[in-house]
């Protein structure tokens, strides 16, 4: 499925194309079952993550995991970034699944690190 341009940008923040490995896990779960993904673009408002097609990814598609946390390291930064995200869109792409997510919470240091990287 291909996303069609609507002619008007709805995003509040510009996206930056990246290739950053990330670990994803459910916010609500006491067990930290990490899933690996690759952030393909990011902004101050959210990100798009590519995840290998796997049965665990279906929780994002079905809405069972509407919120998750992402842990990743930005280039040239010492501290990792940890953000809570809300799933907005899930699209199949060339054997992978792309999850579009908005940031709903992050600690102050993580947000500052992200802001330094993007601005």
PDB file of N, CA and C in Angstrom:
ATOM      1  N   UNK A   1       0.850  -1.178   0.000  1.00  0.00           N
ATOM      2  CA  UNK A   1       0.000   0.000   0.000  1.00  0.00           C
ATOM      3  C   UNK A   1       0.890   1.233   0.000  1.00  0.00           C
ATOM      4  N   UNK A   2       0.573   2.152  -0.855  1.00  0.00           N
ATOM      5  CA  UNK A   2       1.372   3.360  -0.963  1.00  0.00           C
ATOM      6  C   UNK A   2       0.606   4.537  -0.376  1.00  0.00           C
ATOM      7  N   UNK A   3       1.298   5.369   0.340  1.00  0.00           N
ATOM      8  CA  UNK A   3       0.666   6.542   0.914  1.00  0.00           C
ATOM      9  C   UNK A   3       0.586   7.628  -0.149  1.00  0.00           C
ATOM     10  N   UNK A   4      -0.572   8.215  -0.306  1.00  0.00           N
ATOM     11  CA  UNK A   4      -0.760   9.244  -1.315  1.00  0.00           C
ATOM     12  C   UNK A   4      -0.614  10.617  -0.691  1.00  0.00           C
ATOM     13  N   UNK A   5       0.047  11.506  -1.407  1.00  0.00           N
ATOM     14  CA  UNK A   5       0.194  12.885  -0.934  1.00  0.00           C
ATOM     15  C   UNK A   5      -1.143  13.597  -1.084  1.00  0.00           C
ATOM     16  N   UNK A   6      -1.553  14.281  -0.051  1.00  0.00           N
ATOM     17  CA  UNK A   6      -2.837  14.983  -0.097  1.00  0.00           C
ATOM     18  C   UNK A   6      -2.665  16.429  -0.549  1.00  0.00           C
ATOM     19  N   UNK A   7      -1.433  16.852  -0.777  1.00  0.00           N
ATOM     20  CA  UNK A   7      -1.209  18.219  -1.225  1.00  0.00           C
ATOM     21  C   UNK A   7      -0.965  19.176  -0.082  1.00  0.00           C
ATOM     22  N   UNK A   8      -1.402  18.843   1.117  1.00  0.00           N
ATOM     23  CA  UNK A   8      -1.148  19.718   2.260  1.00  0.00           C
ATOM     24  C   UNK A   8      -0.535  18.904   3.392  1.00  0.00           C
ATOM     25  N   UNK A   9       0.505  19.430   3.958  1.00  0.00           N
ATOM     26  CA  UNK A   9       1.212  18.752   5.042  1.00  0.00           C
ATOM     27  C   UNK A   9       0.467  18.941   6.347  1.00  0.00           C
ATOM     28  N   UNK A  10       0.146  17.830   7.035  1.00  0.00           N
ATOM     29  CA  UNK A  10      -0.580  17.906   8.291  1.00  0.00           C
ATOM     30  C   UNK A  10       0.359  17.898   9.498  1.00  0.00           C
ATOM     31  N   UNK A  11       1.606  17.558   9.286  1.00  0.00           N
ATOM     32  CA  UNK A  11       2.537  17.468  10.403  1.00  0.00           C
ATOM     33  C   UNK A  11       2.957  18.843  10.883  1.00  0.00           C
ATOM     34  N   UNK A  12       3.127  18.966  12.196  1.00  0.00           N
ATOM     35  CA  UNK A  12       3.573  20.228  12.781  1.00  0.00           C
ATOM     36  C   UNK A  12       5.078  20.408  12.666  1.00  0.00           C
ATOM     37  N   UNK A  13       5.818  19.298  12.589  1.00  0.00           N
ATOM     38  CA  UNK A  13       7.274  19.352  12.571  1.00  0.00           C
ATOM     39  C   UNK A  13       7.807  18.662  11.322  1.00  0.00           C
ATOM     40  N   UNK A  14       8.892  19.198  10.771  1.00  0.00           N
ATOM     41  CA  UNK A  14       9.529  18.577   9.613  1.00  0.00           C
ATOM     42  C   UNK A  14      10.189  17.270  10.019  1.00  0.00           C
ATOM     43  N   UNK A  15      10.092  16.295   9.133  1.00  0.00           N
ATOM     44  CA  UNK A  15      10.742  15.007   9.375  1.00  0.00           C
ATOM     45  C   UNK A  15      12.171  15.034   8.864  1.00  0.00           C
ATOM     46  N   UNK A  16      13.032  14.266   9.536  1.00  0.00           N
ATOM     47  CA  UNK A  16      14.400  14.100   9.072  1.00  0.00           C
ATOM     48  C   UNK A  16      14.597  12.624   8.763  1.00  0.00           C
ATOM     49  N   UNK A  17      14.993  12.302   7.521  1.00  0.00           N
ATOM     50  CA  UNK A  17      15.272  10.892   7.207  1.00  0.00           C
ATOM     51  C   UNK A  17      16.511  10.443   7.975  1.00  0.00           C
ATOM     52  N   UNK A  18      16.421   9.280   8.610  1.00  0.00           N
ATOM     53  CA  UNK A  18      17.529   8.734   9.403  1.00  0.00           C
ATOM     54  C   UNK A  18      17.562   7.216   9.239  1.00  0.00           C
ATOM     55  N   UNK A  19      18.531   6.610   9.810  1.00  0.00           N
ATOM     56  CA  UNK A  19      18.629   5.159   9.883  1.00  0.00           C
ATOM     57  C   UNK A  19      19.219   4.835  11.258  1.00  0.00           C
ATOM     58  N   UNK A  20      18.325   4.781  12.265  1.00  0.00           N
ATOM     59  CA  UNK A  20      18.754   4.632  13.652  1.00  0.00           C
ATOM     60  C   UNK A  20      18.127   3.382  14.257  1.00  0.00           C
ATOM     61  N   UNK A  21      18.934   2.416  14.684  1.00  0.00           N
ATOM     62  CA  UNK A  21      18.371   1.235  15.349  1.00  0.00           C
ATOM     63  C   UNK A  21      17.675   1.632  16.656  1.00  0.00           C
ATOM     64  N   UNK A  22      16.582   0.937  16.966  1.00  0.00           N
ATOM     65  CA  UNK A  22      15.825   1.235  18.184  1.00  0.00           C
ATOM     66  C   UNK A  22      15.294  -0.050  18.794  1.00  0.00           C
ATOM     67  N   UNK A  23      15.079  -0.016  20.098  1.00  0.00           N
ATOM     68  CA  UNK A  23      14.412  -1.095  20.803  1.00  0.00           C
ATOM     69  C   UNK A  23      13.035  -0.598  21.202  1.00  0.00           C
ATOM     70  N   UNK A  24      12.022  -1.401  20.952  1.00  0.00           N
ATOM     71  CA  UNK A  24      10.643  -1.048  21.270  1.00  0.00           C
ATOM     72  C   UNK A  24      10.121  -2.016  22.312  1.00  0.00           C
ATOM     73  N   UNK A  25       9.294  -1.514  23.227  1.00  0.00           N
ATOM     74  CA  UNK A  25       8.653  -2.381  24.209  1.00  0.00           C
ATOM     75  C   UNK A  25       7.363  -1.744  24.681  1.00  0.00           C
ATOM     76  N   UNK A  26       6.464  -2.586  25.166  1.00  0.00           N
ATOM     77  CA  UNK A  26       5.163  -2.104  25.626  1.00  0.00           C
ATOM     78  C   UNK A  26       5.299  -1.325  26.921  1.00  0.00           C
ATOM     79  N   UNK A  27       4.673  -0.162  26.956  1.00  0.00           N
ATOM     80  CA  UNK A  27       4.732   0.693  28.142  1.00  0.00           C
ATOM     81  C   UNK A  27       4.038   0.051  29.327  1.00  0.00           C
ATOM     82  N   UNK A  28       2.895  -0.565  29.084  1.00  0.00           N
ATOM     83  CA  UNK A  28       2.046  -1.058  30.171  1.00  0.00           C
ATOM     84  C   UNK A  28       2.533  -2.369  30.772  1.00  0.00           C
ATOM     85  N   UNK A  29       3.378  -3.080  30.067  1.00  0.00           N
ATOM     86  CA  UNK A  29       3.795  -4.404  30.506  1.00  0.00           C
ATOM     87  C   UNK A  29       4.913  -4.330  31.546  1.00  0.00           C
ATOM     88  N   UNK A  30       4.829  -5.177  32.555  1.00  0.00           N
ATOM     89  CA  UNK A  30       5.913  -5.276  33.532  1.00  0.00           C
ATOM     90  C   UNK A  30       7.101  -6.024  32.941  1.00  0.00           C
ATOM     91  N   UNK A  31       6.817  -6.918  31.992  1.00  0.00           N
ATOM     92  CA  UNK A  31       7.882  -7.643  31.314  1.00  0.00           C
ATOM     93  C   UNK A  31       8.377  -6.792  30.152  1.00  0.00           C
ATOM     94  N   UNK A  32       9.660  -6.648  30.045  1.00  0.00           N
ATOM     95  CA  UNK A  32      10.226  -5.854  28.959  1.00  0.00           C
ATOM     96  C   UNK A  32      10.605  -6.793  27.814  1.00  0.00           C
ATOM     97  N   UNK A  33       9.634  -7.068  26.942  1.00  0.00           N
ATOM     98  CA  UNK A  33       9.891  -7.867  25.750  1.00  0.00           C
ATOM     99  C   UNK A  33      10.283  -6.921  24.628  1.00  0.00           C
ATOM    100  N   UNK A  34      11.582  -6.787  24.407  1.00  0.00           N
ATOM    101  CA  UNK A  34      12.083  -5.849  23.425  1.00  0.00           C
ATOM    102  C   UNK A  34      11.920  -6.392  22.005  1.00  0.00           C
ATOM    103  N   UNK A  35      11.575  -5.493  21.100  1.00  0.00           N
ATOM    104  CA  UNK A  35      11.514  -5.798  19.682  1.00  0.00           C
ATOM    105  C   UNK A  35      12.437  -4.788  19.016  1.00  0.00           C
ATOM    106  N   UNK A  36      13.211  -5.226  18.052  1.00  0.00           N
ATOM    107  CA  UNK A  36      14.117  -4.277  17.403  1.00  0.00           C
ATOM    108  C   UNK A  36      13.459  -3.703  16.153  1.00  0.00           C
ATOM    109  N   UNK A  37      13.811  -2.470  15.874  1.00  0.00           N
ATOM    110  CA  UNK A  37      13.304  -1.786  14.695  1.00  0.00           C
ATOM    111  C   UNK A  37      14.330  -0.802  14.202  1.00  0.00           C
ATOM    112  N   UNK A  38      13.996  -0.127  13.125  1.00  0.00           N
ATOM    113  CA  UNK A  38      14.882   0.867  12.546  1.00  0.00           C
ATOM    114  C   UNK A  38      14.073   2.137  12.309  1.00  0.00           C
ATOM    115  N   UNK A  39      14.471   3.220  12.968  1.00  0.00           N
ATOM    116  CA  UNK A  39      13.798   4.499  12.763  1.00  0.00           C
ATOM    117  C   UNK A  39      14.207   5.004  11.385  1.00  0.00           C
ATOM    118  N   UNK A  40      13.216   5.252  10.509  1.00  0.00           N
ATOM    119  CA  UNK A  40      13.527   5.697   9.149  1.00  0.00           C
ATOM    120  C   UNK A  40      13.301   7.191   8.966  1.00  0.00           C
ATOM    121  N   UNK A  41      12.478   7.789   9.800  1.00  0.00           N
ATOM    122  CA  UNK A  41      12.414   9.241   9.864  1.00  0.00           C
ATOM    123  C   UNK A  41      11.909   9.663  11.236  1.00  0.00           C
ATOM    124  N   UNK A  42      12.296  10.896  11.612  1.00  0.00           N
ATOM    125  CA  UNK A  42      11.996  11.362  12.961  1.00  0.00           C
ATOM    126  C   UNK A  42      11.793  12.877  12.943  1.00  0.00           C
ATOM    127  N   UNK A  43      10.965  13.352  13.857  1.00  0.00           N
ATOM    128  CA  UNK A  43      10.751  14.787  14.033  1.00  0.00           C
ATOM    129  C   UNK A  43      10.557  15.030  15.522  1.00  0.00           C
ATOM    130  N   UNK A  44      10.319  16.287  15.894  1.00  0.00           N
ATOM    131  CA  UNK A  44      10.051  16.577  17.305  1.00  0.00           C
ATOM    132  C   UNK A  44       8.681  16.042  17.744  1.00  0.00           C
ATOM    133  N   UNK A  45       7.842  15.693  16.786  1.00  0.00           N
ATOM    134  CA  UNK A  45       6.502  15.213  17.124  1.00  0.00           C
ATOM    135  C   UNK A  45       6.307  13.720  17.037  1.00  0.00           C
ATOM    136  N   UNK A  46       7.206  13.007  16.345  1.00  0.00           N
ATOM    137  CA  UNK A  46       7.020  11.564  16.206  1.00  0.00           C
ATOM    138  C   UNK A  46       8.056  10.944  15.296  1.00  0.00           C
ATOM    139  N   UNK A  47       7.795   9.686  14.893  1.00  0.00           N
ATOM    140  CA  UNK A  47       8.751   8.979  14.052  1.00  0.00           C
ATOM    141  C   UNK A  47       8.058   7.862  13.293  1.00  0.00           C
ATOM    142  N   UNK A  48       8.773   7.358  12.291  1.00  0.00           N
ATOM    143  CA  UNK A  48       8.326   6.183  11.545  1.00  0.00           C
ATOM    144  C   UNK A  48       9.394   5.113  11.732  1.00  0.00           C
ATOM    145  N   UNK A  49       8.941   3.938  12.131  1.00  0.00           N
ATOM    146  CA  UNK A  49       9.849   2.840  12.448  1.00  0.00           C
ATOM    147  C   UNK A  49       9.557   1.666  11.539  1.00  0.00           C
ATOM    148  N   UNK A  50      10.592   1.082  10.982  1.00  0.00           N
ATOM    149  CA  UNK A  50      10.464  -0.115  10.173  1.00  0.00           C
ATOM    150  C   UNK A  50      10.767  -1.323  11.063  1.00  0.00           C
ATOM    151  N   UNK A  51       9.836  -2.284  11.082  1.00  0.00           N
ATOM    152  CA  UNK A  51       9.988  -3.484  11.904  1.00  0.00           C
ATOM    153  C   UNK A  51       9.811  -4.692  10.992  1.00  0.00           C
ATOM    154  N   UNK A  52      10.664  -5.691  11.151  1.00  0.00           N
ATOM    155  CA  UNK A  52      10.518  -6.917  10.367  1.00  0.00           C
ATOM    156  C   UNK A  52       9.158  -7.538  10.660  1.00  0.00           C
ATOM    157  N   UNK A  53       8.508  -8.023   9.606  1.00  0.00           N
ATOM    158  CA  UNK A  53       7.184  -8.619   9.780  1.00  0.00           C
ATOM    159  C   UNK A  53       7.318  -9.832  10.694  1.00  0.00           C
ATOM    160  N   UNK A  54       6.538  -9.836  11.754  1.00  0.00           N
ATOM    161  CA  UNK A  54       6.657 -10.828  12.808  1.00  0.00           C
ATOM    162  C   UNK A  54       5.299 -10.885  13.505  1.00  0.00           C
ATOM    163  N   UNK A  55       4.910 -12.024  14.073  1.00  0.00           N
ATOM    164  CA  UNK A  55       3.622 -12.082  14.765  1.00  0.00           C
ATOM    165  C   UNK A  55       3.473 -11.025  15.873  1.00  0.00           C
ATOM    166  N   UNK A  56       4.563 -10.657  16.515  1.00  0.00           N
ATOM    167  CA  UNK A  56       4.500  -9.661  17.593  1.00  0.00           C
ATOM    168  C   UNK A  56       4.087  -8.285  17.072  1.00  0.00           C
ATOM    169  N   UNK A  57       4.369  -8.005  15.795  1.00  0.00           N
ATOM    170  CA  UNK A  57       4.020  -6.712  15.209  1.00  0.00           C
ATOM    171  C   UNK A  57       2.508  -6.565  15.068  1.00  0.00           C
ATOM    172  N   UNK A  58       1.802  -7.678  14.985  1.00  0.00           N
ATOM    173  CA  UNK A  58       0.348  -7.622  14.809  1.00  0.00           C
ATOM    174  C   UNK A  58      -0.344  -6.898  15.964  1.00  0.00           C
ATOM    175  N   UNK A  59       0.265  -6.857  17.140  1.00  0.00           N
ATOM    176  CA  UNK A  59      -0.314  -6.130  18.274  1.00  0.00           C
ATOM    177  C   UNK A  59      -0.407  -4.639  17.960  1.00  0.00           C
ATOM    178  N   UNK A  60       0.534  -4.117  17.169  1.00  0.00           N
ATOM    179  CA  UNK A  60       0.483  -2.708  16.777  1.00  0.00           C
ATOM    180  C   UNK A  60      -0.653  -2.477  15.780  1.00  0.00           C
ATOM    181  N   UNK A  61      -0.787  -3.415  14.836  1.00  0.00           N
ATOM    182  CA  UNK A  61      -1.801  -3.284  13.799  1.00  0.00           C
ATOM    183  C   UNK A  61      -3.212  -3.413  14.378  1.00  0.00           C
ATOM    184  N   UNK A  62      -3.395  -4.325  15.309  1.00  0.00           N
ATOM    185  CA  UNK A  62      -4.731  -4.595  15.847  1.00  0.00           C
ATOM    186  C   UNK A  62      -5.164  -3.567  16.889  1.00  0.00           C
ATOM    187  N   UNK A  63      -4.223  -2.748  17.347  1.00  0.00           N
ATOM    188  CA  UNK A  63      -4.571  -1.774  18.374  1.00  0.00           C
ATOM    189  C   UNK A  63      -4.391  -2.308  19.782  1.00  0.00           C
ATOM    190  N   UNK A  64      -3.911  -3.558  19.912  1.00  0.00           N
ATOM    191  CA  UNK A  64      -3.650  -4.126  21.241  1.00  0.00           C
ATOM    192  C   UNK A  64      -2.507  -3.402  21.932  1.00  0.00           C
ATOM    193  N   UNK A  65      -1.583  -2.864  21.158  1.00  0.00           N
ATOM    194  CA  UNK A  65      -0.450  -2.108  21.707  1.00  0.00           C
ATOM    195  C   UNK A  65      -0.491  -0.687  21.161  1.00  0.00           C
ATOM    196  N   UNK A  66      -1.479   0.100  21.597  1.00  0.00           N
ATOM    197  CA  UNK A  66      -1.570   1.454  21.056  1.00  0.00           C
ATOM    198  C   UNK A  66      -0.441   2.356  21.555  1.00  0.00           C
ATOM    199  N   UNK A  67       0.184   1.981  22.686  1.00  0.00           N
ATOM    200  CA  UNK A  67       1.303   2.754  23.211  1.00  0.00           C
ATOM    201  C   UNK A  67       2.501   1.840  23.410  1.00  0.00           C
ATOM    202  N   UNK A  68       3.674   2.403  23.153  1.00  0.00           N
ATOM    203  CA  UNK A  68       4.909   1.658  23.356  1.00  0.00           C
ATOM    204  C   UNK A  68       6.010   2.652  23.672  1.00  0.00           C
ATOM    205  N   UNK A  69       7.122   2.136  24.129  1.00  0.00           N
ATOM    206  CA  UNK A  69       8.286   2.985  24.382  1.00  0.00           C
ATOM    207  C   UNK A  69       9.379   2.623  23.395  1.00  0.00           C
ATOM    208  N   UNK A  70      10.142   3.620  23.003  1.00  0.00           N
ATOM    209  CA  UNK A  70      11.259   3.422  22.090  1.00  0.00           C
ATOM    210  C   UNK A  70      12.528   3.919  22.776  1.00  0.00           C
ATOM    211  N   UNK A  71      13.555   3.120  22.685  1.00  0.00           N
ATOM    212  CA  UNK A  71      14.851   3.436  23.272  1.00  0.00           C
ATOM    213  C   UNK A  71      15.876   3.401  22.143  1.00  0.00           C
ATOM    214  N   UNK A  72      16.606   4.505  21.962  1.00  0.00           N
ATOM    215  CA  UNK A  72      17.573   4.575  20.867  1.00  0.00           C
ATOM    216  C   UNK A  72      18.658   5.596  21.194  1.00  0.00           C
ATOM    217  N   UNK A  73      19.750   5.509  20.453  1.00  0.00           N
ATOM    218  CA  UNK A  73      20.863   6.451  20.626  1.00  0.00           C
ATOM    219  C   UNK A  73      21.009   7.270  19.355  1.00  0.00           C
ATOM    220  N   UNK A  74      21.062   8.572  19.509  1.00  0.00           N
ATOM    221  CA  UNK A  74      21.271   9.461  18.370  1.00  0.00           C
ATOM    222  C   UNK A  74      22.768   9.596  18.107  1.00  0.00           C
ATOM    223  N   UNK A  75      23.151   9.829  16.858  1.00  0.00           N
ATOM    224  CA  UNK A  75      24.572   9.994  16.542  1.00  0.00           C
ATOM    225  C   UNK A  75      25.194  11.120  17.372  1.00  0.00           C
ATOM    226  N   UNK A  76      26.398  10.898  17.827  1.00  0.00           N
ATOM    227  CA  UNK A  76      27.184  11.877  18.587  1.00  0.00           C
ATOM    228  C   UNK A  76      26.571  12.251  19.939  1.00  0.00           C
ATOM    229  N   UNK A  77      25.687  11.434  20.464  1.00  0.00           N
ATOM    230  CA  UNK A  77      25.098  11.677  21.779  1.00  0.00           C
ATOM    231  C   UNK A  77      25.497  10.545  22.720  1.00  0.00           C
ATOM    232  N   UNK A  78      25.777  10.881  23.955  1.00  0.00           N
ATOM    233  CA  UNK A  78      26.210   9.900  24.940  1.00  0.00           C
ATOM    234  C   UNK A  78      25.008   9.190  25.568  1.00  0.00           C
ATOM    235  N   UNK A  79      23.976   9.959  25.922  1.00  0.00           N
ATOM    236  CA  UNK A  79      22.814   9.399  26.616  1.00  0.00           C
ATOM    237  C   UNK A  79      21.786   8.874  25.615  1.00  0.00           C
ATOM    238  N   UNK A  80      21.214   7.712  25.901  1.00  0.00           N
ATOM    239  CA  UNK A  80      20.149   7.217  25.025  1.00  0.00           C
ATOM    240  C   UNK A  80      18.868   8.037  25.199  1.00  0.00           C
ATOM    241  N   UNK A  81      18.025   7.992  24.197  1.00  0.00           N
ATOM    242  CA  UNK A  81      16.737   8.680  24.213  1.00  0.00           C
ATOM    243  C   UNK A  81      15.662   7.636  24.483  1.00  0.00           C
ATOM    244  N   UNK A  82      14.764   7.948  25.399  1.00  0.00           N
ATOM    245  CA  UNK A  82      13.657   7.051  25.716  1.00  0.00           C
ATOM    246  C   UNK A  82      12.365   7.866  25.612  1.00  0.00           C
ATOM    247  N   UNK A  83      11.476   7.482  24.687  1.00  0.00           N
ATOM    248  CA  UNK A  83      10.228   8.210  24.481  1.00  0.00           C
ATOM    249  C   UNK A  83       9.039   7.249  24.486  1.00  0.00           C
ATOM    250  N   UNK A  84       7.927   7.712  25.023  1.00  0.00           N
ATOM    251  CA  UNK A  84       6.675   6.962  24.957  1.00  0.00           C
ATOM    252  C   UNK A  84       5.944   7.427  23.714  1.00  0.00           C
ATOM    253  N   UNK A  85       5.409   6.470  22.974  1.00  0.00           N
ATOM    254  CA  UNK A  85       4.792   6.761  21.682  1.00  0.00           C
ATOM    255  C   UNK A  85       3.381   6.192  21.604  1.00  0.00           C
ATOM    256  N   UNK A  86       2.599   6.792  20.720  1.00  0.00           N
ATOM    257  CA  UNK A  86       1.260   6.296  20.415  1.00  0.00           C
ATOM    258  C   UNK A  86       1.236   5.915  18.946  1.00  0.00           C
ATOM    259  N   UNK A  87       0.825   4.685  18.647  1.00  0.00           N
ATOM    260  CA  UNK A  87       0.737   4.219  17.273  1.00  0.00           C
ATOM    261  C   UNK A  87      -0.358   4.978  16.537  1.00  0.00           C
ATOM    262  N   UNK A  88      -0.014   5.533  15.370  1.00  0.00           N
ATOM    263  CA  UNK A  88      -0.991   6.266  14.557  1.00  0.00           C
ATOM    264  C   UNK A  88      -1.322   5.543  13.261  1.00  0.00           C
ATOM    265  N   UNK A  89      -0.329   4.894  12.683  1.00  0.00           N
ATOM    266  CA  UNK A  89      -0.529   4.243  11.395  1.00  0.00           C
ATOM    267  C   UNK A  89       0.396   3.045  11.278  1.00  0.00           C
ATOM    268  N   UNK A  90      -0.110   1.981  10.664  1.00  0.00           N
ATOM    269  CA  UNK A  90       0.688   0.782  10.419  1.00  0.00           C
ATOM    270  C   UNK A  90       0.500   0.402   8.953  1.00  0.00           C
ATOM    271  N   UNK A  91       1.611   0.308   8.209  1.00  0.00           N
ATOM    272  CA  UNK A  91       1.561   0.032   6.776  1.00  0.00           C
ATOM    273  C   UNK A  91       2.563  -1.063   6.429  1.00  0.00           C
ATOM    274  N   UNK A  92       2.121  -2.050   5.632  1.00  0.00           N
ATOM    275  CA  UNK A  92       3.025  -3.081   5.126  1.00  0.00           C
ATOM    276  C   UNK A  92       3.874  -2.488   4.005  1.00  0.00           C
ATOM    277  N   UNK A  93       5.196  -2.753   4.056  1.00  0.00           N
ATOM    278  CA  UNK A  93       6.102  -2.218   3.057  1.00  0.00           C
ATOM    279  C   UNK A  93       7.218  -3.213   2.788  1.00  0.00           C
ATOM    280  N   UNK A  94       7.228  -3.833   1.621  1.00  0.00           N
ATOM    281  CA  UNK A  94       8.324  -4.719   1.197  1.00  0.00           C
ATOM    282  C   UNK A  94       8.740  -5.741   2.255  1.00  0.00           C
ATOM    283  N   UNK A  95       7.799  -6.452   2.821  1.00  0.00           N
ATOM    284  CA  UNK A  95       8.120  -7.486   3.795  1.00  0.00           C
ATOM    285  C   UNK A  95       8.312  -6.975   5.208  1.00  0.00           C
ATOM    286  N   UNK A  96       8.353  -5.660   5.387  1.00  0.00           N
ATOM    287  CA  UNK A  96       8.458  -5.066   6.712  1.00  0.00           C
ATOM    288  C   UNK A  96       7.142  -4.377   7.045  1.00  0.00           C
ATOM    289  N   UNK A  97       7.057  -3.887   8.251  1.00  0.00           N
ATOM    290  CA  UNK A  97       5.905  -3.108   8.681  1.00  0.00           C
ATOM    291  C   UNK A  97       6.424  -1.754   9.129  1.00  0.00           C
ATOM    292  N   UNK A  98       5.833  -0.690   8.608  1.00  0.00           N
ATOM    293  CA  UNK A  98       6.201   0.655   9.042  1.00  0.00           C
ATOM    294  C   UNK A  98       5.143   1.137  10.022  1.00  0.00           C
ATOM    295  N   UNK A  99       5.607   1.532  11.212  1.00  0.00           N
ATOM    296  CA  UNK A  99       4.721   2.037  12.253  1.00  0.00           C
ATOM    297  C   UNK A  99       4.969   3.531  12.386  1.00  0.00           C
ATOM    298  N   UNK A 100       3.939   4.322  12.145  1.00  0.00           N
ATOM    299  CA  UNK A 100       4.007   5.761  12.359  1.00  0.00           C
ATOM    300  C   UNK A 100       3.504   6.041  13.760  1.00  0.00           C
ATOM    301  N   UNK A 101       4.263   6.806  14.523  1.00  0.00           N
ATOM    302  CA  UNK A 101       3.903   7.041  15.922  1.00  0.00           C
ATOM    303  C   UNK A 101       4.158   8.494  16.304  1.00  0.00           C
ATOM    304  N   UNK A 102       3.327   8.992  17.207  1.00  0.00           N
ATOM    305  CA  UNK A 102       3.548  10.323  17.760  1.00  0.00           C
ATOM    306  C   UNK A 102       4.115  10.171  19.162  1.00  0.00           C
ATOM    307  N   UNK A 103       4.922  11.135  19.570  1.00  0.00           N
ATOM    308  CA  UNK A 103       5.461  11.129  20.922  1.00  0.00           C
ATOM    309  C   UNK A 103       4.393  11.643  21.874  1.00  0.00           C
ATOM    310  N   UNK A 104       4.159  10.910  22.954  1.00  0.00           N
ATOM    311  CA  UNK A 104       3.183  11.370  23.933  1.00  0.00           C
ATOM    312  C   UNK A 104       3.827  11.693  25.270  1.00  0.00           C
ATOM    313  N   UNK A 105       5.058  11.255  25.463  1.00  0.00           N
ATOM    314  CA  UNK A 105       5.738  11.553  26.717  1.00  0.00           C
ATOM    315  C   UNK A 105       7.209  11.198  26.569  1.00  0.00           C
ATOM    316  N   UNK A 106       8.047  11.994  27.165  1.00  0.00           N
ATOM    317  CA  UNK A 106       9.470  11.667  27.250  1.00  0.00           C
ATOM    318  C   UNK A 106      10.026  12.433  28.430  1.00  0.00           C
ATOM    319  N   UNK A 107      11.129  11.947  28.953  1.00  0.00           N
ATOM    320  CA  UNK A 107      11.726  12.705  30.041  1.00  0.00           C
ATOM    321  C   UNK A 107      12.401  13.940  29.447  1.00  0.00           C
ATOM    322  N   UNK A 108      12.610  14.926  30.265  1.00  0.00           N
ATOM    323  CA  UNK A 108      13.140  16.214  29.824  1.00  0.00           C
ATOM    324  C   UNK A 108      14.471  16.065  29.100  1.00  0.00           C
ATOM    325  N   UNK A 109      15.377  15.246  29.648  1.00  0.00           N
ATOM    326  CA  UNK A 109      16.695  15.068  29.033  1.00  0.00           C
ATOM    327  C   UNK A 109      16.594  14.435  27.649  1.00  0.00           C
ATOM    328  N   UNK A 110      15.695  13.455  27.502  1.00  0.00           N
ATOM    329  CA  UNK A 110      15.515  12.816  26.197  1.00  0.00           C
ATOM    330  C   UNK A 110      14.995  13.814  25.176  1.00  0.00           C
ATOM    331  N   UNK A 111      14.029  14.638  25.581  1.00  0.00           N
ATOM    332  CA  UNK A 111      13.464  15.614  24.649  1.00  0.00           C
ATOM    333  C   UNK A 111      14.515  16.655  24.260  1.00  0.00           C
ATOM    334  N   UNK A 112      15.319  17.079  25.219  1.00  0.00           N
ATOM    335  CA  UNK A 112      16.389  18.044  24.927  1.00  0.00           C
ATOM    336  C   UNK A 112      17.396  17.445  23.944  1.00  0.00           C
ATOM    337  N   UNK A 113      17.754  16.188  24.147  1.00  0.00           N
ATOM    338  CA  UNK A 113      18.696  15.517  23.264  1.00  0.00           C
ATOM    339  C   UNK A 113      18.126  15.448  21.851  1.00  0.00           C
ATOM    340  N   UNK A 114      16.865  15.077  21.745  1.00  0.00           N
ATOM    341  CA  UNK A 114      16.197  14.999  20.449  1.00  0.00           C
ATOM    342  C   UNK A 114      16.135  16.377  19.783  1.00  0.00           C
ATOM    343  N   UNK A 115      15.818  17.386  20.561  1.00  0.00           N
ATOM    344  CA  UNK A 115      15.727  18.742  20.033  1.00  0.00           C
ATOM    345  C   UNK A 115      17.078  19.230  19.510  1.00  0.00           C
ATOM    346  N   UNK A 116      18.154  18.959  20.264  1.00  0.00           N
ATOM    347  CA  UNK A 116      19.509  19.340  19.822  1.00  0.00           C
ATOM    348  C   UNK A 116      19.844  18.676  18.483  1.00  0.00           C
ATOM    349  N   UNK A 117      19.465  17.420  18.352  1.00  0.00           N
ATOM    350  CA  UNK A 117      19.778  16.665  17.145  1.00  0.00           C
ATOM    351  C   UNK A 117      19.004  17.195  15.933  1.00  0.00           C
ATOM    352  N   UNK A 118      17.757  17.580  16.138  1.00  0.00           N
ATOM    353  CA  UNK A 118      16.899  17.956  15.016  1.00  0.00           C
ATOM    354  C   UNK A 118      16.945  19.434  14.635  1.00  0.00           C
ATOM    355  N   UNK A 119      17.359  20.292  15.558  1.00  0.00           N
ATOM    356  CA  UNK A 119      17.314  21.737  15.272  1.00  0.00           C
ATOM    357  C   UNK A 119      18.665  22.250  14.835  1.00  0.00           C
TER     358      UNK A 119
END
